[in-house]
Amino acid sequence: MDKYVCLICGYIYDPEIGDDTQEIAPGTSFEDLPDTWVCPLCGVGKDDFEKE
């Protein structure tokens, strides 16, 4: 699974880790994140991320 980086703040979404701030389990690919998911650091949506 690919990592994705936030173009605004540089946060890296790592699917092996998930996102415990929004109850995203480890092993969840970026593509499977809900549309309501936002960057846990700066709050932007998935559209502001690109594949690392």
PDB file of N, CA and C in Angstrom:
ATOM      1  N   MET A   1       0.845  -1.189   0.000  1.00  0.00           N
ATOM      2  CA  MET A   1       0.000   0.000   0.000  1.00  0.00           C
ATOM      3  C   MET A   1       0.886   1.247   0.000  1.00  0.00           C
ATOM      4  N   ASP A   2       0.439   2.252  -0.711  1.00  0.00           N
ATOM      5  CA  ASP A   2       1.215   3.476  -0.869  1.00  0.00           C
ATOM      6  C   ASP A   2       0.967   4.467   0.255  1.00  0.00           C
ATOM      7  N   LYS A   3       2.000   5.248   0.564  1.00  0.00           N
ATOM      8  CA  LYS A   3       1.877   6.357   1.507  1.00  0.00           C
ATOM      9  C   LYS A   3       1.480   7.595   0.711  1.00  0.00           C
ATOM     10  N   TYR A   4       0.753   8.479   1.371  1.00  0.00           N
ATOM     11  CA  TYR A   4       0.330   9.734   0.747  1.00  0.00           C
ATOM     12  C   TYR A   4       0.755  10.890   1.626  1.00  0.00           C
ATOM     13  N   VAL A   5       1.185  11.985   0.985  1.00  0.00           N
ATOM     14  CA  VAL A   5       1.669  13.149   1.720  1.00  0.00           C
ATOM     15  C   VAL A   5       0.730  14.336   1.500  1.00  0.00           C
ATOM     16  N   CYS A   6       0.477  15.069   2.587  1.00  0.00           N
ATOM     17  CA  CYS A   6      -0.349  16.283   2.520  1.00  0.00           C
ATOM     18  C   CYS A   6       0.475  17.390   1.873  1.00  0.00           C
ATOM     19  N   LEU A   7      -0.087  17.999   0.838  1.00  0.00           N
ATOM     20  CA  LEU A   7       0.617  19.061   0.127  1.00  0.00           C
ATOM     21  C   LEU A   7       0.657  20.361   0.919  1.00  0.00           C
ATOM     22  N   ILE A   8      -0.164  20.486   1.935  1.00  0.00           N
ATOM     23  CA  ILE A   8      -0.234  21.711   2.726  1.00  0.00           C
ATOM     24  C   ILE A   8       0.761  21.690   3.883  1.00  0.00           C
ATOM     25  N   CYS A   9       0.761  20.594   4.670  1.00  0.00           N
ATOM     26  CA  CYS A   9       1.581  20.579   5.886  1.00  0.00           C
ATOM     27  C   CYS A   9       2.665  19.503   5.911  1.00  0.00           C
ATOM     28  N   GLY A  10       2.631  18.572   4.954  1.00  0.00           N
ATOM     29  CA  GLY A  10       3.656  17.545   4.891  1.00  0.00           C
ATOM     30  C   GLY A  10       3.353  16.276   5.675  1.00  0.00           C
ATOM     31  N   TYR A  11       2.179  16.196   6.316  1.00  0.00           N
ATOM     32  CA  TYR A  11       1.794  14.973   7.032  1.00  0.00           C
ATOM     33  C   TYR A  11       1.788  13.797   6.063  1.00  0.00           C
ATOM     34  N   ILE A  12       2.284  12.661   6.507  1.00  0.00           N
ATOM     35  CA  ILE A  12       2.296  11.461   5.675  1.00  0.00           C
ATOM     36  C   ILE A  12       1.305  10.450   6.238  1.00  0.00           C
ATOM     37  N   TYR A  13       0.326  10.087   5.400  1.00  0.00           N
ATOM     38  CA  TYR A  13      -0.593   9.028   5.787  1.00  0.00           C
ATOM     39  C   TYR A  13       0.060   7.707   5.427  1.00  0.00           C
ATOM     40  N   ASP A  14       0.306   6.885   6.436  1.00  0.00           N
ATOM     41  CA  ASP A  14       0.915   5.569   6.253  1.00  0.00           C
ATOM     42  C   ASP A  14      -0.152   4.514   6.530  1.00  0.00           C
ATOM     43  N   PRO A  15      -0.575   3.774   5.507  1.00  0.00           N
ATOM     44  CA  PRO A  15      -1.640   2.791   5.705  1.00  0.00           C
ATOM     45  C   PRO A  15      -1.282   1.694   6.706  1.00  0.00           C
ATOM     46  N   GLU A  16      -0.001   1.430   6.912  1.00  0.00           N
ATOM     47  CA  GLU A  16       0.394   0.417   7.891  1.00  0.00           C
ATOM     48  C   GLU A  16       0.113   0.885   9.318  1.00  0.00           C
ATOM     49  N   ILE A  17       0.026   2.201   9.503  1.00  0.00           N
ATOM     50  CA  ILE A  17      -0.233   2.775  10.829  1.00  0.00           C
ATOM     51  C   ILE A  17      -1.703   3.149  10.995  1.00  0.00           C
ATOM     52  N   GLY A  18      -2.324   3.638   9.916  1.00  0.00           N
ATOM     53  CA  GLY A  18      -3.698   4.134  10.013  1.00  0.00           C
ATOM     54  C   GLY A  18      -3.717   5.521  10.636  1.00  0.00           C
ATOM     55  N   ASP A  19      -4.820   5.880  11.262  1.00  0.00           N
ATOM     56  CA  ASP A  19      -4.960   7.201  11.895  1.00  0.00           C
ATOM     57  C   ASP A  19      -5.851   7.052  13.119  1.00  0.00           C
ATOM     58  N   ASP A  20      -5.212   6.926  14.272  1.00  0.00           N
ATOM     59  CA  ASP A  20      -6.002   6.709  15.490  1.00  0.00           C
ATOM     60  C   ASP A  20      -6.763   7.954  15.937  1.00  0.00           C
ATOM     61  N   THR A  21      -6.443   9.127  15.371  1.00  0.00           N
ATOM     62  CA  THR A  21      -7.193  10.333  15.735  1.00  0.00           C
ATOM     63  C   THR A  21      -8.600  10.312  15.142  1.00  0.00           C
ATOM     64  N   GLN A  22      -8.802   9.487  14.102  1.00  0.00           N
ATOM     65  CA  GLN A  22     -10.113   9.413  13.448  1.00  0.00           C
ATOM     66  C   GLN A  22     -10.606   7.969  13.335  1.00  0.00           C
ATOM     67  N   GLU A  23     -10.054   7.117  14.196  1.00  0.00           N
ATOM     68  CA  GLU A  23     -10.461   5.714  14.274  1.00  0.00           C
ATOM     69  C   GLU A  23     -10.300   4.960  12.954  1.00  0.00           C
ATOM     70  N   ILE A  24      -9.186   5.233  12.259  1.00  0.00           N
ATOM     71  CA  ILE A  24      -8.850   4.521  11.033  1.00  0.00           C
ATOM     72  C   ILE A  24      -7.869   3.414  11.410  1.00  0.00           C
ATOM     73  N   ALA A  25      -8.270   2.180  11.186  1.00  0.00           N
ATOM     74  CA  ALA A  25      -7.478   1.028  11.600  1.00  0.00           C
ATOM     75  C   ALA A  25      -6.217   0.871  10.752  1.00  0.00           C
ATOM     76  N   PRO A  26      -5.146   0.359  11.357  1.00  0.00           N
ATOM     77  CA  PRO A  26      -3.963   0.004  10.565  1.00  0.00           C
ATOM     78  C   PRO A  26      -4.360  -0.958   9.450  1.00  0.00           C
ATOM     79  N   GLY A  27      -3.729  -0.787   8.289  1.00  0.00           N
ATOM     80  CA  GLY A  27      -4.051  -1.626   7.139  1.00  0.00           C
ATOM     81  C   GLY A  27      -5.081  -1.008   6.211  1.00  0.00           C
ATOM     82  N   THR A  28      -5.567   0.201   6.530  1.00  0.00           N
ATOM     83  CA  THR A  28      -6.548   0.881   5.686  1.00  0.00           C
ATOM     84  C   THR A  28      -5.822   1.688   4.614  1.00  0.00           C
ATOM     85  N   SER A  29      -6.048   1.348   3.343  1.00  0.00           N
ATOM     86  CA  SER A  29      -5.395   2.075   2.254  1.00  0.00           C
ATOM     87  C   SER A  29      -5.977   3.484   2.152  1.00  0.00           C
ATOM     88  N   PHE A  30      -5.199   4.373   1.560  1.00  0.00           N
ATOM     89  CA  PHE A  30      -5.652   5.758   1.385  1.00  0.00           C
ATOM     90  C   PHE A  30      -6.955   5.790   0.594  1.00  0.00           C
ATOM     91  N   GLU A  31      -7.042   4.948  -0.428  1.00  0.00           N
ATOM     92  CA  GLU A  31      -8.239   4.916  -1.272  1.00  0.00           C
ATOM     93  C   GLU A  31      -9.480   4.492  -0.495  1.00  0.00           C
ATOM     94  N   ASP A  32      -9.295   3.724   0.581  1.00  0.00           N
ATOM     95  CA  ASP A  32     -10.425   3.245   1.373  1.00  0.00           C
ATOM     96  C   ASP A  32     -10.800   4.177   2.525  1.00  0.00           C
ATOM     97  N   LEU A  33     -10.065   5.284   2.678  1.00  0.00           N
ATOM     98  CA  LEU A  33     -10.442   6.251   3.713  1.00  0.00           C
ATOM     99  C   LEU A  33     -11.792   6.863   3.344  1.00  0.00           C
ATOM    100  N   PRO A  34     -12.633   7.149   4.335  1.00  0.00           N
ATOM    101  CA  PRO A  34     -13.931   7.781   4.015  1.00  0.00           C
ATOM    102  C   PRO A  34     -13.722   9.174   3.435  1.00  0.00           C
ATOM    103  N   ASP A  35     -14.674   9.630   2.640  1.00  0.00           N
ATOM    104  CA  ASP A  35     -14.583  10.956   2.024  1.00  0.00           C
ATOM    105  C   ASP A  35     -14.540  12.066   3.067  1.00  0.00           C
ATOM    106  N   THR A  36     -15.000  11.772   4.271  1.00  0.00           N
ATOM    107  CA  THR A  36     -15.019  12.785   5.341  1.00  0.00           C
ATOM    108  C   THR A  36     -13.691  12.873   6.080  1.00  0.00           C
ATOM    109  N   TRP A  37     -12.750  11.970   5.768  1.00  0.00           N
ATOM    110  CA  TRP A  37     -11.453  11.977   6.446  1.00  0.00           C
ATOM    111  C   TRP A  37     -10.698  13.256   6.099  1.00  0.00           C
ATOM    112  N   VAL A  38     -10.032  13.839   7.094  1.00  0.00           N
ATOM    113  CA  VAL A  38      -9.217  15.039   6.882  1.00  0.00           C
ATOM    114  C   VAL A  38      -7.840  14.833   7.492  1.00  0.00           C
ATOM    115  N   CYS A  39      -6.886  15.607   7.039  1.00  0.00           N
ATOM    116  CA  CYS A  39      -5.535  15.559   7.573  1.00  0.00           C
ATOM    117  C   CYS A  39      -5.592  15.851   9.072  1.00  0.00           C
ATOM    118  N   PRO A  40      -5.000  14.981   9.899  1.00  0.00           N
ATOM    119  CA  PRO A  40      -5.073  15.192  11.346  1.00  0.00           C
ATOM    120  C   PRO A  40      -4.243  16.387  11.833  1.00  0.00           C
ATOM    121  N   LEU A  41      -3.361  16.918  10.995  1.00  0.00           N
ATOM    122  CA  LEU A  41      -2.559  18.071  11.413  1.00  0.00           C
ATOM    123  C   LEU A  41      -3.146  19.403  10.977  1.00  0.00           C
ATOM    124  N   CYS A  42      -3.599  19.484   9.711  1.00  0.00           N
ATOM    125  CA  CYS A  42      -4.052  20.792   9.222  1.00  0.00           C
ATOM    126  C   CYS A  42      -5.517  20.833   8.788  1.00  0.00           C
ATOM    127  N   GLY A  43      -6.177  19.655   8.696  1.00  0.00           N
ATOM    128  CA  GLY A  43      -7.614  19.638   8.446  1.00  0.00           C
ATOM    129  C   GLY A  43      -8.061  19.672   7.000  1.00  0.00           C
ATOM    130  N   VAL A  44      -7.133  19.581   6.041  1.00  0.00           N
ATOM    131  CA  VAL A  44      -7.569  19.575   4.645  1.00  0.00           C
ATOM    132  C   VAL A  44      -8.052  18.177   4.248  1.00  0.00           C
ATOM    133  N   GLY A  45      -8.796  18.119   3.158  1.00  0.00           N
ATOM    134  CA  GLY A  45      -9.358  16.847   2.697  1.00  0.00           C
ATOM    135  C   GLY A  45      -8.394  16.041   1.849  1.00  0.00           C
ATOM    136  N   LYS A  46      -8.876  14.889   1.407  1.00  0.00           N
ATOM    137  CA  LYS A  46      -8.059  13.952   0.641  1.00  0.00           C
ATOM    138  C   LYS A  46      -7.560  14.525  -0.681  1.00  0.00           C
ATOM    139  N   ASP A  47      -8.253  15.517  -1.226  1.00  0.00           N
ATOM    140  CA  ASP A  47      -7.848  16.113  -2.497  1.00  0.00           C
ATOM    141  C   ASP A  47      -6.505  16.816  -2.409  1.00  0.00           C
ATOM    142  N   ASP A  48      -6.094  17.161  -1.200  1.00  0.00           N
ATOM    143  CA  ASP A  48      -4.819  17.871  -1.015  1.00  0.00           C
ATOM    144  C   ASP A  48      -3.680  16.933  -0.663  1.00  0.00           C
ATOM    145  N   PHE A  49      -3.807  15.655  -1.003  1.00  0.00           N
ATOM    146  CA  PHE A  49      -2.763  14.654  -0.789  1.00  0.00           C
ATOM    147  C   PHE A  49      -2.308  14.106  -2.126  1.00  0.00           C
ATOM    148  N   GLU A  50      -1.042  13.706  -2.182  1.00  0.00           N
ATOM    149  CA  GLU A  50      -0.547  13.010  -3.372  1.00  0.00           C
ATOM    150  C   GLU A  50       0.308  11.832  -2.947  1.00  0.00           C
ATOM    151  N   LYS A  51       0.401  10.859  -3.839  1.00  0.00           N
ATOM    152  CA  LYS A  51       1.170   9.652  -3.566  1.00  0.00           C
ATOM    153  C   LYS A  51       2.621  10.021  -3.351  1.00  0.00           C
ATOM    154  N   GLU A  52       3.208   9.440  -2.309  1.00  0.00           N
ATOM    155  CA  GLU A  52       4.609   9.749  -1.986  1.00  0.00           C
ATOM    156  C   GLU A  52       5.536   9.003  -2.917  1.00  0.00           C
TER     157      GLU A  52
END
